[in-house]
């Protein structure tokens, strides 16, 4: 019963995201991208010698765009 409920939640989430995208609303999840202060807000900074400087390695809360404007 739990697996069926979880699958229903996943399907609902997927449907919601597709409807938002239909109206030009997109989710930002920028792991691996270069930090851009116009779209991202830094909570902290971590030194990782395996990554280039200013590359996002963790997202605390995803943001959204509506027709290329940050919500």
Protein backbone atom coordinates (compact mmCIF):
# COMPACT_ATOMS: atom_id res chain seq x y z
CA UNK A 1 0.00 0.00 0.00
CA UNK A 2 2.89 2.38 0.76
CA UNK A 3 4.48 1.72 -2.64
CA UNK A 4 1.21 2.53 -4.40
CA UNK A 5 0.87 5.78 -2.42
CA UNK A 6 4.48 6.77 -3.19
CA UNK A 7 3.95 6.06 -6.88
CA UNK A 8 0.81 8.24 -6.83
CA UNK A 9 2.72 11.11 -5.23
CA UNK A 10 5.47 10.81 -7.87
CA UNK A 11 2.90 10.84 -10.67
CA UNK A 12 1.15 13.89 -9.18
CA UNK A 13 4.47 15.72 -8.83
CA UNK A 14 5.40 14.93 -12.44
CA UNK A 15 1.99 16.11 -13.66
CA UNK A 16 2.26 19.36 -11.67
CA UNK A 17 5.71 20.10 -13.10
CA UNK A 18 4.49 19.44 -16.64
CA UNK A 19 1.57 21.84 -16.15
CA UNK A 20 3.86 24.52 -14.73
CA UNK A 21 6.21 24.09 -17.69
CA UNK A 22 3.24 24.46 -20.04
CA UNK A 23 2.84 28.01 -18.70
CA UNK A 24 6.55 28.82 -18.94
CA UNK A 25 7.50 28.02 -15.34
CA UNK A 26 10.71 25.99 -15.08
CA UNK A 27 12.55 24.61 -12.07
CA UNK A 28 16.18 25.62 -11.55
CA UNK A 29 18.45 22.95 -10.15
CA UNK A 30 21.93 24.19 -11.03
CA UNK A 31 24.31 21.55 -9.67
CA UNK A 32 27.51 21.67 -11.70
CA UNK A 33 26.82 25.14 -13.09
CA UNK A 34 28.89 28.25 -12.44
CA UNK A 35 27.41 30.45 -9.70
CA UNK A 36 25.42 33.37 -11.14
CA UNK A 37 24.23 35.96 -8.62
CA UNK A 38 21.29 36.84 -10.90
CA UNK A 39 19.80 33.36 -10.41
CA UNK A 40 21.47 31.84 -7.36
CA UNK A 41 21.77 32.72 -3.69
CA UNK A 42 24.79 31.43 -1.79
CA UNK A 43 24.24 29.97 1.66
CA UNK A 44 27.86 28.96 2.12
CA UNK A 45 31.09 28.24 0.34
CA UNK A 46 33.01 24.96 0.29
CA UNK A 47 36.53 24.37 -1.02
CA UNK A 48 36.65 21.29 -3.27
CA UNK A 49 39.94 20.73 -5.09
CA UNK A 50 38.19 18.40 -7.56
CA UNK A 51 35.82 21.17 -8.76
CA UNK A 52 36.44 24.48 -10.49
CA UNK A 53 35.98 27.61 -8.36
CA UNK A 54 32.42 29.00 -8.17
CA UNK A 55 30.80 25.74 -9.31
CA UNK A 56 27.59 24.86 -7.50
CA UNK A 57 27.96 21.50 -5.73
CA UNK A 58 24.83 21.48 -3.55
CA UNK A 59 21.34 22.97 -3.78
CA UNK A 60 19.42 23.61 -0.56
CA UNK A 61 16.22 24.84 -2.22
CA UNK A 62 15.48 24.87 -5.93
CA UNK A 63 14.28 28.09 -7.58
CA UNK A 64 11.90 28.68 -10.47
CA UNK A 65 11.84 30.79 -13.62
CA UNK A 66 8.79 32.10 -15.40
CA UNK A 67 9.63 32.99 -18.98
CA UNK A 68 13.29 33.65 -18.05
CA UNK A 69 12.41 35.78 -14.99
CA UNK A 70 13.34 34.53 -11.54
CA UNK A 71 10.37 33.94 -9.25
